[in-house]
């Protein structure tokens, strides 16, 4: 008999949680909307003047919030996405770039190990990349010019 009481409590809990989840989803859809993000960013990443052929660009908002990222294509181009949506929010961003050579597949199988860095490692860390950009509403072209030299002493900025 104690199982019947537990079952009733669980059903009540599921009913209450279901109603709250539906209400939360409705509020979230109303607040966020379905119109997408207000800005888009694309550009070309170069290292010492030559386009990178692989890697990832990351944009982390200085005010907090979701990060945007984009894969670097074989021609050096990238386009940012935030989670599954194209684009990102308007604001100030710290930028990171990571590019590595392809790694070797282990003898026993499995995914390949990361290869050596193509880009200097300081570009991979928000605190040392030295890259900051402002993203405005609408379409933004941000070309990222990297050098193989020592870490920058001042932040590169642009729009």
Protein backbone atom coordinates (compact mmCIF):
# COMPACT_ATOMS: atom_id res chain seq x y z
CA UNK A 1 0.00 0.00 0.00
CA UNK A 2 2.78 2.57 0.60
CA UNK A 3 3.57 2.44 -3.12
CA UNK A 4 0.17 3.90 -4.03
CA UNK A 5 0.85 7.04 -1.94
CA UNK A 6 4.28 7.45 -3.51
CA UNK A 7 2.78 7.06 -6.99
CA UNK A 8 0.19 9.79 -6.26
CA UNK A 9 2.88 12.15 -4.98
CA UNK A 10 5.02 11.48 -8.07
CA UNK A 11 2.06 12.14 -10.39
CA UNK A 12 1.27 15.40 -8.60
CA UNK A 13 4.94 16.43 -8.78
CA UNK A 14 5.10 15.65 -12.50
CA UNK A 15 1.90 17.62 -13.11
CA UNK A 16 3.24 20.67 -11.25
CA UNK A 17 6.66 20.44 -12.94
CA UNK A 18 5.00 20.01 -16.33
CA UNK A 19 2.93 23.16 -15.85
CA UNK A 20 5.97 25.13 -14.66
CA UNK A 21 8.11 23.88 -17.55
CA UNK A 22 5.45 24.90 -20.06
CA UNK A 23 5.13 28.34 -18.45
CA UNK A 24 8.93 28.76 -18.40
CA UNK A 25 9.22 27.80 -22.07
CA UNK A 26 6.47 30.28 -22.97
CA UNK A 27 8.19 33.10 -21.03
CA UNK A 28 11.58 32.22 -22.51
CA UNK A 29 10.20 32.24 -26.05
CA UNK A 30 8.54 35.60 -25.42
CA UNK A 31 11.68 37.18 -23.93
CA UNK A 32 14.22 35.71 -26.35
CA UNK A 33 11.99 35.64 -29.38
CA UNK A 34 12.46 33.72 -32.57
CA UNK A 35 14.11 36.47 -34.60
CA UNK A 36 17.69 35.27 -34.13
CA UNK A 37 20.66 37.17 -32.83
CA UNK A 38 21.18 40.88 -33.62
CA UNK A 39 24.71 40.67 -35.10
CA UNK A 40 26.73 38.49 -37.43
CA UNK A 41 30.51 38.24 -37.69
CA UNK A 42 32.66 36.77 -40.41
CA UNK A 43 36.15 37.42 -41.65
CA UNK A 44 39.52 35.90 -42.48
CA UNK A 45 42.20 34.75 -40.04
CA UNK A 46 45.82 35.17 -41.13
CA UNK A 47 49.13 34.23 -39.52
CA UNK A 48 52.02 36.40 -40.70
CA UNK A 49 49.92 37.50 -43.67
CA UNK A 50 48.92 34.00 -44.82
CA UNK A 51 45.39 32.60 -44.33
CA UNK A 52 45.14 29.83 -41.75
CA UNK A 53 43.77 26.64 -43.27
CA UNK A 54 42.16 25.19 -40.13
CA UNK A 55 41.31 25.99 -36.53
CA UNK A 56 38.67 27.66 -34.40
CA UNK A 57 37.90 31.30 -33.58
CA UNK A 58 36.20 32.00 -30.23
CA UNK A 59 34.47 35.21 -29.12
CA UNK A 60 33.84 35.52 -25.35
CA UNK A 61 31.67 38.48 -24.26
CA UNK A 62 33.42 40.65 -21.67
CA UNK A 63 30.06 41.28 -19.95
CA UNK A 64 29.36 37.54 -19.66
CA UNK A 65 26.94 35.39 -21.56
CA UNK A 66 27.15 32.73 -24.24
CA UNK A 67 30.29 32.49 -26.32
CA UNK A 68 30.34 32.39 -30.09
CA UNK A 69 32.67 30.27 -32.21
CA UNK A 70 33.42 29.46 -35.80
CA UNK A 71 35.53 26.93 -37.65
CA UNK A 72 38.30 28.32 -39.83
CA UNK A 73 37.87 27.10 -43.42
CA UNK A 74 40.69 26.17 -45.83
CA UNK A 75 40.74 29.74 -47.24
CA UNK A 76 41.08 31.27 -43.74
CA UNK A 77 37.45 32.41 -43.56
CA UNK A 78 35.19 31.94 -40.55
CA UNK A 79 31.59 32.73 -39.58
CA UNK A 80 30.48 32.83 -35.95
CA UNK A 81 27.63 30.90 -34.36
CA UNK A 82 26.30 31.01 -30.81
CA UNK A 83 25.29 27.49 -29.86
CA UNK A 84 23.06 26.47 -32.78
CA UNK A 85 22.13 29.96 -33.94
CA UNK A 86 23.96 32.03 -36.52
CA UNK A 87 25.40 35.24 -35.13
CA UNK A 88 25.93 36.64 -31.66
CA UNK A 89 24.93 39.43 -29.30
CA UNK A 90 26.14 43.02 -29.67
CA UNK A 91 29.02 44.04 -27.38
CA UNK A 92 32.69 43.85 -26.50
CA UNK A 93 34.48 40.51 -26.95
CA UNK A 94 37.80 38.89 -26.09
CA UNK A 95 38.87 36.70 -28.99
CA UNK A 96 40.86 33.46 -29.07
CA UNK A 97 42.24 31.53 -32.02
CA UNK A 98 43.50 27.94 -31.94
CA UNK A 99 44.90 26.10 -34.94
CA UNK A 100 46.71 22.77 -34.78
CA UNK A 101 48.19 20.36 -37.29
CA UNK A 102 46.25 17.12 -37.72
CA UNK A 103 47.24 14.51 -35.16
CA UNK A 104 48.07 10.86 -35.51
CA UNK A 105 45.51 8.14 -34.87
CA UNK A 106 46.53 5.86 -31.99
CA UNK A 107 47.63 2.34 -33.01
CA UNK A 108 44.76 0.81 -31.00
CA UNK A 109 42.17 3.00 -32.76
CA UNK A 110 40.13 5.86 -31.42
CA UNK A 111 40.13 9.55 -32.21
CA UNK A 112 43.37 11.18 -33.38
CA UNK A 113 45.55 12.90 -30.82
CA UNK A 114 45.88 16.71 -31.25
CA UNK A 115 48.81 17.70 -33.42
CA UNK A 116 51.30 20.49 -32.78
CA UNK A 117 50.08 24.09 -32.56
CA UNK A 118 50.14 26.16 -35.74
CA UNK A 119 49.20 29.38 -33.93
CA UNK A 120 51.23 30.63 -30.95
CA UNK A 121 49.67 29.33 -27.74
CA UNK A 122 49.04 32.79 -26.27
CA UNK A 123 46.24 33.28 -28.84
CA UNK A 124 44.39 30.27 -27.35
CA UNK A 125 43.83 31.89 -23.93
CA UNK A 126 41.47 34.82 -23.28
CA UNK A 127 43.85 36.40 -20.76
CA UNK A 128 46.84 36.39 -23.12
CA UNK A 129 45.42 36.56 -26.65
CA UNK A 130 45.53 40.36 -26.76
CA UNK A 131 42.57 40.34 -29.15
CA UNK A 132 39.48 42.45 -28.36
CA UNK A 133 36.78 43.48 -30.77
CA UNK A 134 33.49 45.35 -30.60
CA UNK A 135 30.54 43.76 -32.38
CA UNK A 136 27.86 46.16 -33.61
CA UNK A 137 24.30 45.34 -34.66
CA UNK A 138 24.04 43.98 -38.18
CA UNK A 139 26.80 42.49 -40.30
CA UNK A 140 30.41 42.79 -39.05
CA UNK A 141 33.57 41.86 -40.94
CA UNK A 142 36.43 41.21 -38.53
CA UNK A 143 39.67 40.07 -40.12
CA UNK A 144 42.01 38.67 -37.47
CA UNK A 145 45.71 39.20 -38.18
CA UNK A 146 48.02 37.06 -36.05
CA UNK A 147 51.81 36.99 -35.88
CA UNK A 148 54.18 34.22 -34.86
CA UNK A 149 56.08 36.71 -32.67
CA UNK A 150 55.95 37.03 -28.88
CA UNK A 151 52.64 37.74 -27.12
CA UNK A 152 51.26 41.23 -27.74
CA UNK A 153 51.78 43.81 -24.98
CA UNK A 154 48.60 45.73 -25.85
CA UNK A 155 45.27 44.48 -27.07
CA UNK A 156 44.44 44.58 -30.75
CA UNK A 157 41.11 46.24 -31.19
CA UNK A 158 38.85 46.68 -34.12
CA UNK A 159 35.41 46.61 -35.53
